[in-house]
Amino acid sequence: MNKKLIALAALLPSLALAGCAAAAPARNPSFTTVAPTKPTPTASNVATPAADGIVDTVYVQVFPGRTFKSAHGCRCTLPNSPQELFTVGTPVVFMKITMIGEWKPSQGGQTYQDVTGTTLKGTQFDGRPEPAVLDTADGPAAAKAAGLPWLPSGLFGKKSDWTIPNDKQRSFGAAWYLPAGVDRLILTVDVPSEGQPLQLVVPLPTSATSASDASGE
């Protein structure tokens, strides 16, 4: 009888452990360990636009480029004056202008935006009443050197319908003669389908303001 009691006493701890193991909650087989999310690296060389804005479905960014001296005059004059307005050697500022299509819910599944007939007409320098004068003599070469088409029309060639994809940029170049003493360009990007022109105040780079000041001496 004593031997049976001793055997039972020895067996009880094992039964208790087995009971605890059976009562332990089972690990959820769908559970997975998630590693901490690594921050997405940002490119330090991504250019920041000097000005940007949106009207309806087209987002516009402006990146001022290099300033250079014109190799040709503008062949334009002031009213009632035979004197050329911008002569050879006048400083010229180059701009990269980017358009990006922006989708809106009312467009359903549309994947592009209509920018047919986009112009820069109405652009002027801050404080100057006259329109800014494009350097059509040296500007196209400057755009080509920058790997860009010249003006919006250069993006589409002879196509009558101009479209840009949503969320993908399309860029072109433009260059204006610099009048003396200016520091900002009032850029007008007129996309007819947008309903109204977009006006952006673009601060000129130091190279341009220095050149325009020097031209007025």
N, C-alpha and C. Protein backbone atom coordinates (compact mmCIF):
# COMPACT_ATOMS: atom_id res chain seq x y z
N MET A 1 0.84 -1.22 0.00
CA MET A 1 0.00 0.00 0.00
C MET A 1 0.86 1.25 0.00
N ASN A 2 1.91 1.23 0.76
CA ASN A 2 2.81 2.38 0.81
C ASN A 2 3.49 2.60 -0.51
N LYS A 3 3.83 1.45 -1.19
CA LYS A 3 4.49 1.58 -2.49
C LYS A 3 3.59 2.27 -3.50
N LYS A 4 2.26 1.98 -3.48
CA LYS A 4 1.30 2.62 -4.39
C LYS A 4 1.20 4.12 -4.13
N LEU A 5 1.19 4.52 -2.86
CA LEU A 5 1.11 5.94 -2.52
C LEU A 5 2.35 6.69 -2.99
N ILE A 6 3.52 6.00 -2.84
CA ILE A 6 4.76 6.65 -3.26
C ILE A 6 4.77 6.84 -4.77
N ALA A 7 4.29 5.84 -5.51
CA ALA A 7 4.26 5.92 -6.97
C ALA A 7 3.30 7.01 -7.42
N LEU A 8 2.15 7.13 -6.76
CA LEU A 8 1.15 8.14 -7.11
C LEU A 8 1.70 9.55 -6.85
N ALA A 9 2.41 9.68 -5.74
CA ALA A 9 3.00 10.98 -5.40
C ALA A 9 4.03 11.40 -6.43
N ALA A 10 4.78 10.42 -6.93
CA ALA A 10 5.78 10.73 -7.94
C ALA A 10 5.15 11.11 -9.27
N LEU A 11 3.96 10.56 -9.54
CA LEU A 11 3.28 10.82 -10.82
C LEU A 11 2.57 12.15 -10.87
N LEU A 12 2.14 12.69 -9.73
CA LEU A 12 1.35 13.92 -9.69
C LEU A 12 2.06 15.12 -10.32
N PRO A 13 3.35 15.38 -10.03
CA PRO A 13 4.02 16.54 -10.69
C PRO A 13 4.00 16.46 -12.20
N SER A 14 4.18 15.26 -12.73
CA SER A 14 4.17 15.09 -14.19
C SER A 14 2.81 15.40 -14.76
N LEU A 15 1.75 14.96 -14.07
CA LEU A 15 0.39 15.25 -14.53
C LEU A 15 0.09 16.74 -14.49
N ALA A 16 0.62 17.42 -13.45
CA ALA A 16 0.38 18.86 -13.33
C ALA A 16 1.04 19.61 -14.46
N LEU A 17 2.28 19.19 -14.80
CA LEU A 17 2.97 19.84 -15.90
C LEU A 17 2.26 19.61 -17.22
N ALA A 18 1.78 18.40 -17.41
CA ALA A 18 1.05 18.08 -18.63
C ALA A 18 -0.22 18.90 -18.72
N GLY A 19 -0.86 19.14 -17.58
CA GLY A 19 -2.09 19.92 -17.58
C GLY A 19 -1.82 21.37 -17.94
N CYS A 20 -0.72 21.89 -17.43
CA CYS A 20 -0.35 23.27 -17.76
C CYS A 20 -0.05 23.40 -19.24
N ALA A 21 0.65 22.41 -19.78
CA ALA A 21 0.99 22.47 -21.21
C ALA A 21 -0.25 22.40 -22.06
N ALA A 22 -1.21 21.65 -21.67
CA ALA A 22 -2.45 21.54 -22.44
C ALA A 22 -3.25 22.81 -22.35
N ALA A 23 -3.15 23.53 -21.22
CA ALA A 23 -3.94 24.74 -21.05
C ALA A 23 -3.32 25.96 -21.72
N ALA A 24 -2.01 25.88 -22.11
CA ALA A 24 -1.35 27.03 -22.73
C ALA A 24 -1.97 27.35 -24.06
N PRO A 25 -2.23 28.65 -24.39
CA PRO A 25 -2.86 29.01 -25.65
C PRO A 25 -1.96 28.66 -26.84
N ALA A 26 -2.55 28.16 -27.91
CA ALA A 26 -1.80 27.80 -29.12
C ALA A 26 -1.41 29.06 -29.88
N ARG A 27 -0.24 29.05 -30.48
CA ARG A 27 0.26 30.19 -31.26
C ARG A 27 -0.56 30.34 -32.54
N ASN A 28 -1.00 31.54 -32.82
CA ASN A 28 -1.81 31.77 -34.02
C ASN A 28 -0.94 31.53 -35.26
N PRO A 29 -1.30 30.54 -36.08
CA PRO A 29 -0.45 30.24 -37.25
C PRO A 29 -0.38 31.38 -38.25
N SER A 30 -1.34 32.35 -38.19
CA SER A 30 -1.34 33.46 -39.15
C SER A 30 -0.46 34.62 -38.69
N PHE A 31 0.09 34.52 -37.48
CA PHE A 31 0.90 35.60 -36.94
C PHE A 31 2.27 35.60 -37.61
N THR A 32 2.70 36.77 -38.09
CA THR A 32 4.03 36.89 -38.66
C THR A 32 4.73 38.10 -38.05
N THR A 33 6.00 38.01 -37.89
CA THR A 33 6.78 39.11 -37.34
C THR A 33 7.03 40.15 -38.43
N VAL A 34 6.68 41.40 -38.15
CA VAL A 34 6.85 42.48 -39.12
C VAL A 34 8.09 43.27 -38.77
N ALA A 35 9.00 43.36 -39.74
CA ALA A 35 10.22 44.11 -39.50
C ALA A 35 9.92 45.61 -39.52
N PRO A 36 10.65 46.42 -38.77
CA PRO A 36 10.42 47.88 -38.79
C PRO A 36 10.57 48.43 -40.20
N THR A 37 9.70 49.35 -40.55
CA THR A 37 9.76 49.96 -41.87
C THR A 37 10.94 50.90 -41.98
N LYS A 38 11.74 50.69 -43.02
CA LYS A 38 12.88 51.58 -43.23
C LYS A 38 12.42 52.85 -43.94
N PRO A 39 12.91 54.00 -43.54
CA PRO A 39 12.51 55.23 -44.22
C PRO A 39 12.96 55.22 -45.67
N THR A 40 12.09 55.73 -46.53
CA THR A 40 12.43 55.80 -47.95
C THR A 40 13.49 56.87 -48.16
N PRO A 41 14.59 56.52 -48.77
CA PRO A 41 15.65 57.53 -48.98
C PRO A 41 15.19 58.61 -49.93
N THR A 42 15.57 59.82 -49.65
CA THR A 42 15.21 60.94 -50.52
C THR A 42 16.46 61.41 -51.24
N ALA A 43 16.29 61.72 -52.52
CA ALA A 43 17.44 62.16 -53.31
C ALA A 43 17.79 63.59 -52.95
N SER A 44 19.03 63.82 -52.62
CA SER A 44 19.45 65.15 -52.22
C SER A 44 19.64 66.07 -53.41
N ASN A 45 19.69 65.46 -54.60
CA ASN A 45 19.94 66.28 -55.79
C ASN A 45 18.67 66.60 -56.56
N VAL A 46 17.51 66.31 -55.96
CA VAL A 46 16.25 66.64 -56.63
C VAL A 46 16.04 68.15 -56.56
N ALA A 47 15.87 68.76 -57.71
CA ALA A 47 15.73 70.22 -57.77
C ALA A 47 14.39 70.66 -57.19
N THR A 48 14.40 71.79 -56.52
CA THR A 48 13.17 72.38 -55.98
C THR A 48 12.74 73.50 -56.90
N PRO A 49 11.47 73.50 -57.32
CA PRO A 49 11.03 74.57 -58.23
C PRO A 49 11.06 75.93 -57.56
N ALA A 50 11.37 76.95 -58.35
CA ALA A 50 11.35 78.31 -57.83
C ALA A 50 9.92 78.80 -57.69
N ALA A 51 9.02 78.22 -58.47
CA ALA A 51 7.60 78.57 -58.38
C ALA A 51 6.80 77.39 -58.92
N ASP A 52 5.60 77.21 -58.39
CA ASP A 52 4.72 76.16 -58.88
C ASP A 52 3.27 76.51 -58.58
N GLY A 53 2.36 75.88 -59.31
CA GLY A 53 0.94 76.15 -59.10
C GLY A 53 0.10 75.25 -59.97
N ILE A 54 -1.20 75.21 -59.68
CA ILE A 54 -2.12 74.35 -60.42
C ILE A 54 -3.43 75.07 -60.67
N VAL A 55 -3.95 74.89 -61.86
CA VAL A 55 -5.29 75.35 -62.17
C VAL A 55 -6.05 74.15 -62.72
N ASP A 56 -7.00 73.68 -62.00
CA ASP A 56 -7.85 72.56 -62.41
C ASP A 56 -7.08 71.25 -62.52
N THR A 57 -6.50 70.93 -63.68
CA THR A 57 -5.92 69.60 -63.87
C THR A 57 -4.48 69.59 -64.36
N VAL A 58 -3.82 70.73 -64.37
CA VAL A 58 -2.42 70.77 -64.82
C VAL A 58 -1.57 71.46 -63.75
N TYR A 59 -0.58 70.73 -63.27
CA TYR A 59 0.35 71.25 -62.26
C TYR A 59 1.60 71.73 -63.00
N VAL A 60 2.02 72.96 -62.70
CA VAL A 60 3.14 73.59 -63.39
C VAL A 60 4.26 73.89 -62.40
N GLN A 61 5.49 73.55 -62.79
CA GLN A 61 6.67 73.87 -61.99
C GLN A 61 7.66 74.64 -62.86
N VAL A 62 8.39 75.58 -62.24
CA VAL A 62 9.35 76.39 -62.97
C VAL A 62 10.72 76.30 -62.30
N PHE A 63 11.73 75.97 -63.12
CA PHE A 63 13.10 75.84 -62.62
C PHE A 63 14.00 76.80 -63.41
N PRO A 64 14.41 77.91 -62.82
CA PRO A 64 15.32 78.83 -63.54
C PRO A 64 16.64 78.14 -63.84
N GLY A 65 17.14 78.35 -65.05
CA GLY A 65 18.41 77.76 -65.45
C GLY A 65 19.50 78.80 -65.56
N ARG A 66 20.44 78.55 -66.46
CA ARG A 66 21.59 79.43 -66.55
C ARG A 66 21.24 80.77 -67.23
N THR A 67 22.06 81.75 -66.96
CA THR A 67 21.95 83.05 -67.60
C THR A 67 23.12 83.18 -68.57
N PHE A 68 22.85 83.63 -69.78
CA PHE A 68 23.92 83.77 -70.77
C PHE A 68 23.73 85.07 -71.54
N LYS A 69 24.75 85.46 -72.27
CA LYS A 69 24.66 86.67 -73.10
C LYS A 69 24.24 86.30 -74.51
N SER A 70 23.33 87.07 -75.05
CA SER A 70 22.80 86.77 -76.38
C SER A 70 23.85 87.01 -77.46
N ALA A 71 23.82 86.12 -78.45
CA ALA A 71 24.73 86.27 -79.59
C ALA A 71 24.04 87.04 -80.72
N HIS A 72 22.75 87.28 -80.56
CA HIS A 72 21.97 88.01 -81.58
C HIS A 72 21.08 89.03 -80.87
N GLY A 73 20.76 90.09 -81.54
CA GLY A 73 19.79 91.05 -81.00
C GLY A 73 18.38 90.54 -81.22
N CYS A 74 17.43 91.21 -80.58
CA CYS A 74 16.04 90.76 -80.68
C CYS A 74 15.35 91.23 -81.96
N ARG A 75 15.97 92.19 -82.67
CA ARG A 75 15.35 92.77 -83.86
C ARG A 75 13.97 93.36 -83.55
N CYS A 76 13.85 93.88 -82.33
CA CYS A 76 12.60 94.52 -81.92
C CYS A 76 12.94 95.92 -81.42
N THR A 77 11.99 96.83 -81.54
CA THR A 77 12.20 98.22 -81.14
C THR A 77 11.06 98.70 -80.26
N LEU A 78 11.32 99.76 -79.56
CA LEU A 78 10.26 100.43 -78.81
C LEU A 78 9.38 101.21 -79.78
N PRO A 79 8.14 101.47 -79.41
CA PRO A 79 7.26 102.27 -80.29
C PRO A 79 7.90 103.62 -80.63
N ASN A 80 7.82 103.97 -81.87
CA ASN A 80 8.32 105.26 -82.35
C ASN A 80 9.82 105.44 -82.14
N SER A 81 10.57 104.32 -82.14
CA SER A 81 12.01 104.41 -81.98
C SER A 81 12.68 103.40 -82.90
N PRO A 82 13.74 103.82 -83.61
CA PRO A 82 14.46 102.88 -84.48
C PRO A 82 15.49 102.03 -83.73
N GLN A 83 15.72 102.36 -82.44
CA GLN A 83 16.76 101.68 -81.68
C GLN A 83 16.32 100.28 -81.27
N GLU A 84 17.21 99.30 -81.47
CA GLU A 84 16.90 97.92 -81.08
C GLU A 84 16.77 97.83 -79.56
N LEU A 85 15.73 97.16 -79.11
CA LEU A 85 15.45 97.10 -77.68
C LEU A 85 16.47 96.26 -76.93
N PHE A 86 16.80 95.08 -77.46
CA PHE A 86 17.78 94.19 -76.84
C PHE A 86 18.86 93.85 -77.87
N THR A 87 20.03 94.39 -77.67
CA THR A 87 21.12 94.24 -78.63
C THR A 87 21.95 93.00 -78.32
N VAL A 88 22.90 92.71 -79.19
CA VAL A 88 23.83 91.60 -78.97
C VAL A 88 24.54 91.80 -77.63
N GLY A 89 24.65 90.73 -76.85
CA GLY A 89 25.30 90.82 -75.55
C GLY A 89 24.35 91.06 -74.40
N THR A 90 23.06 91.26 -74.71
CA THR A 90 22.06 91.43 -73.65
C THR A 90 21.95 90.11 -72.86
N PRO A 91 21.91 90.17 -71.52
CA PRO A 91 21.74 88.93 -70.76
C PRO A 91 20.38 88.29 -71.01
N VAL A 92 20.39 86.96 -71.00
CA VAL A 92 19.18 86.17 -71.24
C VAL A 92 19.05 85.14 -70.13
N VAL A 93 17.86 84.96 -69.59
CA VAL A 93 17.64 83.95 -68.56
C VAL A 93 16.87 82.78 -69.17
N PHE A 94 17.35 81.58 -68.90
CA PHE A 94 16.73 80.35 -69.41
C PHE A 94 15.88 79.71 -68.31
N MET A 95 14.72 79.19 -68.68
CA MET A 95 13.82 78.54 -67.72
C MET A 95 13.41 77.16 -68.22
N LYS A 96 13.36 76.22 -67.28
CA LYS A 96 12.76 74.90 -67.55
C LYS A 96 11.36 74.91 -66.95
N ILE A 97 10.36 74.60 -67.76
CA ILE A 97 8.96 74.62 -67.31
C ILE A 97 8.39 73.22 -67.46
N THR A 98 7.82 72.72 -66.39
CA THR A 98 7.32 71.35 -66.36
C THR A 98 5.81 71.35 -66.14
N MET A 99 5.09 70.54 -66.92
CA MET A 99 3.65 70.35 -66.75
C MET A 99 3.38 68.89 -66.37
N ILE A 100 2.49 68.69 -65.41
CA ILE A 100 2.13 67.35 -64.95
C ILE A 100 0.60 67.25 -64.91
N GLY A 101 0.05 66.20 -65.50
CA GLY A 101 -1.40 66.01 -65.48
C GLY A 101 -1.88 65.60 -64.09
N GLU A 102 -2.95 66.23 -63.63
CA GLU A 102 -3.52 65.94 -62.31
C GLU A 102 -4.97 65.47 -62.46
N TRP A 103 -5.22 64.22 -62.09
CA TRP A 103 -6.56 63.63 -62.24
C TRP A 103 -7.50 64.17 -61.16
N LYS A 104 -8.79 64.30 -61.52
CA LYS A 104 -9.80 64.65 -60.53
C LYS A 104 -10.96 63.66 -60.66
N PRO A 105 -11.70 63.39 -59.57
CA PRO A 105 -12.71 62.34 -59.57
C PRO A 105 -13.74 62.44 -60.69
N SER A 106 -14.12 63.65 -61.07
CA SER A 106 -15.16 63.80 -62.09
C SER A 106 -14.70 63.31 -63.46
N GLN A 107 -13.40 63.03 -63.61
CA GLN A 107 -12.88 62.57 -64.90
C GLN A 107 -12.91 61.05 -65.06
N GLY A 108 -13.40 60.37 -64.03
CA GLY A 108 -13.52 58.92 -64.13
C GLY A 108 -12.16 58.25 -64.30
N GLY A 109 -12.03 57.45 -65.35
CA GLY A 109 -10.78 56.72 -65.58
C GLY A 109 -9.83 57.40 -66.52
N GLN A 110 -10.00 58.70 -66.75
CA GLN A 110 -9.14 59.42 -67.69
C GLN A 110 -7.69 59.40 -67.21
N THR A 111 -6.77 59.08 -68.10
CA THR A 111 -5.36 58.94 -67.72
C THR A 111 -4.47 60.06 -68.25
N TYR A 112 -5.06 61.09 -68.84
CA TYR A 112 -4.27 62.18 -69.43
C TYR A 112 -5.03 63.49 -69.30
N GLN A 113 -4.34 64.59 -69.60
CA GLN A 113 -4.98 65.90 -69.59
C GLN A 113 -4.72 66.61 -70.92
N ASP A 114 -5.69 67.40 -71.33
CA ASP A 114 -5.62 68.13 -72.60
C ASP A 114 -4.93 69.47 -72.38
N VAL A 115 -3.81 69.68 -73.05
CA VAL A 115 -3.09 70.96 -72.93
C VAL A 115 -2.92 71.61 -74.31
N THR A 116 -3.82 71.28 -75.22
CA THR A 116 -3.76 71.79 -76.59
C THR A 116 -3.68 73.32 -76.61
N GLY A 117 -2.72 73.86 -77.36
CA GLY A 117 -2.62 75.31 -77.53
C GLY A 117 -2.01 76.07 -76.38
N THR A 118 -1.31 75.38 -75.49
CA THR A 118 -0.67 76.07 -74.36
C THR A 118 0.32 77.13 -74.84
N THR A 119 0.25 78.33 -74.24
CA THR A 119 1.18 79.41 -74.59
C THR A 119 1.73 80.06 -73.33
N LEU A 120 2.75 80.89 -73.54
CA LEU A 120 3.33 81.70 -72.45
C LEU A 120 3.04 83.17 -72.67
N LYS A 121 2.06 83.47 -73.50
CA LYS A 121 1.71 84.86 -73.80
C LYS A 121 1.24 85.58 -72.53
N GLY A 122 1.64 86.82 -72.39
CA GLY A 122 1.27 87.59 -71.21
C GLY A 122 2.36 87.60 -70.15
N THR A 123 3.41 86.82 -70.35
CA THR A 123 4.53 86.80 -69.41
C THR A 123 5.25 88.15 -69.42
N GLN A 124 5.61 88.65 -68.24
CA GLN A 124 6.32 89.92 -68.15
C GLN A 124 7.21 89.92 -66.91
N PHE A 125 8.10 90.87 -66.84
CA PHE A 125 8.95 91.00 -65.65
C PHE A 125 8.25 91.91 -64.65
N ASP A 126 8.40 91.56 -63.38
CA ASP A 126 7.76 92.34 -62.32
C ASP A 126 8.24 93.79 -62.38
N GLY A 127 7.29 94.71 -62.38
CA GLY A 127 7.61 96.13 -62.43
C GLY A 127 7.74 96.69 -63.83
N ARG A 128 7.63 95.83 -64.84
CA ARG A 128 7.71 96.29 -66.24
C ARG A 128 6.35 96.09 -66.90
N PRO A 129 5.80 97.11 -67.53
CA PRO A 129 4.45 96.98 -68.11
C PRO A 129 4.42 96.20 -69.42
N GLU A 130 5.55 96.18 -70.14
CA GLU A 130 5.55 95.53 -71.46
C GLU A 130 5.73 94.01 -71.30
N PRO A 131 5.29 93.26 -72.30
CA PRO A 131 5.50 91.80 -72.25
C PRO A 131 6.99 91.47 -72.29
N ALA A 132 7.37 90.37 -71.65
CA ALA A 132 8.74 89.89 -71.73
C ALA A 132 9.00 89.41 -73.16
N VAL A 133 10.23 89.60 -73.63
CA VAL A 133 10.58 89.25 -75.01
C VAL A 133 11.35 87.94 -75.03
N LEU A 134 10.82 86.94 -75.72
CA LEU A 134 11.50 85.66 -75.85
C LEU A 134 12.74 85.82 -76.74
N ASP A 135 13.81 85.15 -76.36
CA ASP A 135 15.00 85.12 -77.20
C ASP A 135 14.86 83.94 -78.16
N THR A 136 14.20 84.19 -79.28
CA THR A 136 13.96 83.12 -80.25
C THR A 136 15.18 82.85 -81.13
N ALA A 137 16.23 83.67 -81.00
CA ALA A 137 17.45 83.46 -81.79
C ALA A 137 18.38 82.46 -81.11
N ASP A 138 18.65 82.69 -79.83
CA ASP A 138 19.58 81.83 -79.10
C ASP A 138 18.87 80.87 -78.15
N GLY A 139 17.62 81.13 -77.84
CA GLY A 139 16.88 80.30 -76.89
C GLY A 139 16.73 78.85 -77.31
N PRO A 140 16.34 78.57 -78.58
CA PRO A 140 16.19 77.17 -79.00
C PRO A 140 17.47 76.36 -78.84
N ALA A 141 18.61 76.96 -79.11
CA ALA A 141 19.89 76.26 -78.95
C ALA A 141 20.16 75.98 -77.47
N ALA A 142 19.81 76.94 -76.60
CA ALA A 142 19.99 76.74 -75.17
C ALA A 142 19.10 75.60 -74.66
N ALA A 143 17.87 75.52 -75.19
CA ALA A 143 16.97 74.44 -74.82
C ALA A 143 17.53 73.09 -75.27
N LYS A 144 18.03 73.05 -76.49
CA LYS A 144 18.60 71.81 -77.02
C LYS A 144 19.79 71.36 -76.19
N ALA A 145 20.63 72.31 -75.78
CA ALA A 145 21.78 71.98 -74.95
C ALA A 145 21.36 71.42 -73.60
N ALA A 146 20.18 71.84 -73.12
CA ALA A 146 19.65 71.35 -71.85
C ALA A 146 18.84 70.07 -72.02
N GLY A 147 18.74 69.58 -73.27
CA GLY A 147 17.98 68.37 -73.53
C GLY A 147 16.48 68.56 -73.48
N LEU A 148 16.02 69.77 -73.82
CA LEU A 148 14.60 70.09 -73.74
C LEU A 148 14.09 70.61 -75.08
N PRO A 149 12.81 70.38 -75.38
CA PRO A 149 12.21 71.04 -76.54
C PRO A 149 12.01 72.52 -76.24
N TRP A 150 11.89 73.32 -77.30
CA TRP A 150 11.72 74.76 -77.16
C TRP A 150 10.24 75.10 -77.14
N LEU A 151 9.78 75.73 -76.06
CA LEU A 151 8.38 76.14 -75.87
C LEU A 151 7.42 74.94 -75.83
N PRO A 152 6.16 75.15 -75.39
CA PRO A 152 5.22 74.03 -75.29
C PRO A 152 5.01 73.30 -76.61
N SER A 153 4.99 74.05 -77.70
CA SER A 153 4.75 73.42 -79.00
C SER A 153 5.82 72.40 -79.35
N GLY A 154 7.03 72.60 -78.81
CA GLY A 154 8.11 71.66 -79.09
C GLY A 154 7.87 70.27 -78.52
N LEU A 155 7.00 70.18 -77.53
CA LEU A 155 6.69 68.88 -76.93
C LEU A 155 5.87 68.00 -77.86
N PHE A 156 5.12 68.63 -78.74
CA PHE A 156 4.12 67.89 -79.51
C PHE A 156 4.32 67.95 -81.01
N GLY A 157 5.32 68.69 -81.45
CA GLY A 157 5.60 68.76 -82.88
C GLY A 157 4.42 69.29 -83.68
N LYS A 158 4.04 68.55 -84.71
CA LYS A 158 2.94 68.98 -85.59
C LYS A 158 1.58 68.42 -85.17
N LYS A 159 1.52 67.78 -84.01
CA LYS A 159 0.24 67.21 -83.56
C LYS A 159 -0.75 68.34 -83.25
N SER A 160 -1.99 68.14 -83.62
CA SER A 160 -3.02 69.15 -83.34
C SER A 160 -3.60 68.99 -81.94
N ASP A 161 -3.57 67.78 -81.41
CA ASP A 161 -4.07 67.52 -80.05
C ASP A 161 -2.89 67.27 -79.13
N TRP A 162 -2.78 68.11 -78.08
CA TRP A 162 -1.66 67.99 -77.15
C TRP A 162 -2.18 67.38 -75.84
N THR A 163 -1.58 66.31 -75.40
CA THR A 163 -1.98 65.70 -74.13
C THR A 163 -0.74 65.34 -73.32
N ILE A 164 -0.91 65.38 -71.99
CA ILE A 164 0.15 64.93 -71.09
C ILE A 164 -0.45 63.89 -70.15
N PRO A 165 0.31 62.86 -69.79
CA PRO A 165 -0.21 61.81 -68.90
C PRO A 165 -0.35 62.30 -67.47
N ASN A 166 -1.24 61.67 -66.73
CA ASN A 166 -1.37 61.99 -65.31
C ASN A 166 -0.13 61.52 -64.55
N ASP A 167 0.31 62.35 -63.62
CA ASP A 167 1.40 62.02 -62.71
C ASP A 167 2.74 61.81 -63.40
N LYS A 168 2.87 62.24 -64.64
CA LYS A 168 4.16 62.14 -65.34
C LYS A 168 4.47 63.50 -65.96
N GLN A 169 5.66 63.97 -65.71
CA GLN A 169 6.00 65.33 -66.15
C GLN A 169 6.43 65.38 -67.60
N ARG A 170 6.15 66.53 -68.19
CA ARG A 170 6.62 66.85 -69.54
C ARG A 170 7.22 68.25 -69.46
N SER A 171 8.47 68.41 -69.87
CA SER A 171 9.18 69.67 -69.68
C SER A 171 9.61 70.28 -71.01
N PHE A 172 9.71 71.61 -71.00
CA PHE A 172 10.20 72.34 -72.17
C PHE A 172 10.99 73.54 -71.67
N GLY A 173 11.72 74.18 -72.59
CA GLY A 173 12.54 75.33 -72.22
C GLY A 173 12.03 76.63 -72.83
N ALA A 174 12.35 77.73 -72.20
CA ALA A 174 12.03 79.07 -72.71
C ALA A 174 13.10 80.02 -72.20
N ALA A 175 13.37 81.07 -72.94
CA ALA A 175 14.41 82.04 -72.54
C ALA A 175 13.96 83.45 -72.90
N TRP A 176 14.20 84.37 -71.98
CA TRP A 176 13.79 85.76 -72.18
C TRP A 176 14.97 86.72 -72.03
N TYR A 177 14.98 87.77 -72.85
CA TYR A 177 15.94 88.86 -72.67
C TYR A 177 15.66 89.52 -71.33
N LEU A 178 16.73 89.90 -70.62
CA LEU A 178 16.59 90.51 -69.30
C LEU A 178 16.67 92.03 -69.38
N PRO A 179 15.60 92.73 -69.03
CA PRO A 179 15.69 94.20 -68.92
C PRO A 179 16.55 94.54 -67.70
N ALA A 180 16.98 95.78 -67.61
CA ALA A 180 17.81 96.20 -66.47
C ALA A 180 16.98 96.27 -65.19
N GLY A 181 17.60 95.86 -64.08
CA GLY A 181 17.02 96.06 -62.76
C GLY A 181 15.82 95.21 -62.40
N VAL A 182 15.65 94.01 -62.98
CA VAL A 182 14.51 93.16 -62.65
C VAL A 182 14.97 92.01 -61.75
N ASP A 183 14.05 91.49 -60.93
CA ASP A 183 14.42 90.37 -60.08
C ASP A 183 13.36 89.27 -60.04
N ARG A 184 12.22 89.49 -60.72
CA ARG A 184 11.18 88.46 -60.74
C ARG A 184 10.50 88.42 -62.11
N LEU A 185 10.18 87.21 -62.54
CA LEU A 185 9.43 87.01 -63.78
C LEU A 185 8.00 86.64 -63.43
N ILE A 186 7.03 87.32 -64.03
CA ILE A 186 5.62 86.96 -63.84
C ILE A 186 5.26 86.06 -65.03
N LEU A 187 5.38 84.76 -64.81
CA LEU A 187 5.18 83.79 -65.89
C LEU A 187 3.70 83.45 -66.04
N THR A 188 3.20 83.58 -67.25
CA THR A 188 1.81 83.23 -67.54
C THR A 188 1.78 81.97 -68.40
N VAL A 189 1.25 80.90 -67.84
CA VAL A 189 1.09 79.65 -68.58
C VAL A 189 -0.41 79.50 -68.88
N ASP A 190 -0.76 79.68 -70.14
CA ASP A 190 -2.17 79.67 -70.54
C ASP A 190 -2.50 78.33 -71.20
N VAL A 191 -3.19 77.47 -70.46
CA VAL A 191 -3.68 76.19 -70.98
C VAL A 191 -5.17 76.37 -71.26
N PRO A 192 -5.58 76.50 -72.52
CA PRO A 192 -6.98 76.84 -72.83
C PRO A 192 -8.01 75.95 -72.14
N SER A 193 -7.73 74.67 -72.00
CA SER A 193 -8.71 73.77 -71.38
C SER A 193 -8.88 74.00 -69.89
N GLU A 194 -7.94 74.74 -69.27
CA GLU A 194 -8.00 74.98 -67.84
C GLU A 194 -8.97 76.10 -67.46
N GLY A 195 -9.38 76.90 -68.43
CA GLY A 195 -10.37 77.93 -68.16
C GLY A 195 -9.80 79.30 -67.87
N GLN A 196 -8.60 79.38 -67.31
CA GLN A 196 -7.99 80.68 -67.04
C GLN A 196 -6.48 80.50 -66.99
N PRO A 197 -5.73 81.54 -67.36
CA PRO A 197 -4.27 81.43 -67.33
C PRO A 197 -3.75 81.29 -65.90
N LEU A 198 -2.64 80.59 -65.77
CA LEU A 198 -1.97 80.45 -64.48
C LEU A 198 -0.80 81.42 -64.45
N GLN A 199 -0.78 82.30 -63.46
CA GLN A 199 0.32 83.24 -63.30
C GLN A 199 1.19 82.84 -62.12
N LEU A 200 2.49 82.73 -62.37
CA LEU A 200 3.43 82.33 -61.34
C LEU A 200 4.51 83.40 -61.19
N VAL A 201 4.80 83.78 -59.96
CA VAL A 201 5.87 84.74 -59.68
C VAL A 201 7.16 83.95 -59.48
N VAL A 202 8.09 84.11 -60.41
CA VAL A 202 9.33 83.32 -60.39
C VAL A 202 10.51 84.20 -60.00
N PRO A 203 11.08 84.01 -58.80
CA PRO A 203 12.28 84.78 -58.44
C PRO A 203 13.42 84.40 -59.38
N LEU A 204 14.15 85.39 -59.85
CA LEU A 204 15.26 85.12 -60.76
C LEU A 204 16.49 84.69 -59.96
N PRO A 205 17.31 83.80 -60.53
CA PRO A 205 18.54 83.39 -59.84
C PRO A 205 19.52 84.56 -59.73
N THR A 206 20.45 84.44 -58.82
CA THR A 206 21.43 85.51 -58.59
C THR A 206 22.17 85.86 -59.88
N SER A 207 22.48 84.84 -60.70
CA SER A 207 23.20 85.10 -61.95
C SER A 207 22.41 86.04 -62.85
N ALA A 208 21.08 85.90 -62.83
CA ALA A 208 20.23 86.74 -63.68
C ALA A 208 20.10 88.15 -63.12
N THR A 209 19.88 88.27 -61.80
CA THR A 209 19.72 89.61 -61.23
C THR A 209 21.01 90.41 -61.33
N SER A 210 22.14 89.74 -61.15
CA SER A 210 23.43 90.41 -61.26
C SER A 210 23.65 90.90 -62.70
N ALA A 211 23.26 90.04 -63.66
CA ALA A 211 23.44 90.39 -65.06
C ALA A 211 22.53 91.54 -65.46
N SER A 212 21.29 91.53 -64.96
CA SER A 212 20.36 92.59 -65.33
C SER A 212 20.77 93.92 -64.70
N ASP A 213 21.33 93.87 -63.49
CA ASP A 213 21.83 95.09 -62.86
C ASP A 213 23.00 95.66 -63.64
N ALA A 214 23.89 94.77 -64.07
CA ALA A 214 25.07 95.21 -64.81
C ALA A 214 24.69 95.81 -66.15
N SER A 215 23.61 95.28 -66.76
CA SER A 215 23.19 95.78 -68.08
C SER A 215 22.61 97.17 -68.00
N GLY A 216 22.24 97.60 -66.78
CA GLY A 216 21.66 98.92 -66.65
C GLY A 216 22.68 100.00 -66.34
N GLU A 217 23.94 99.59 -66.16
CA GLU A 217 24.97 100.59 -65.83
C GLU A 217 25.36 101.42 -67.03
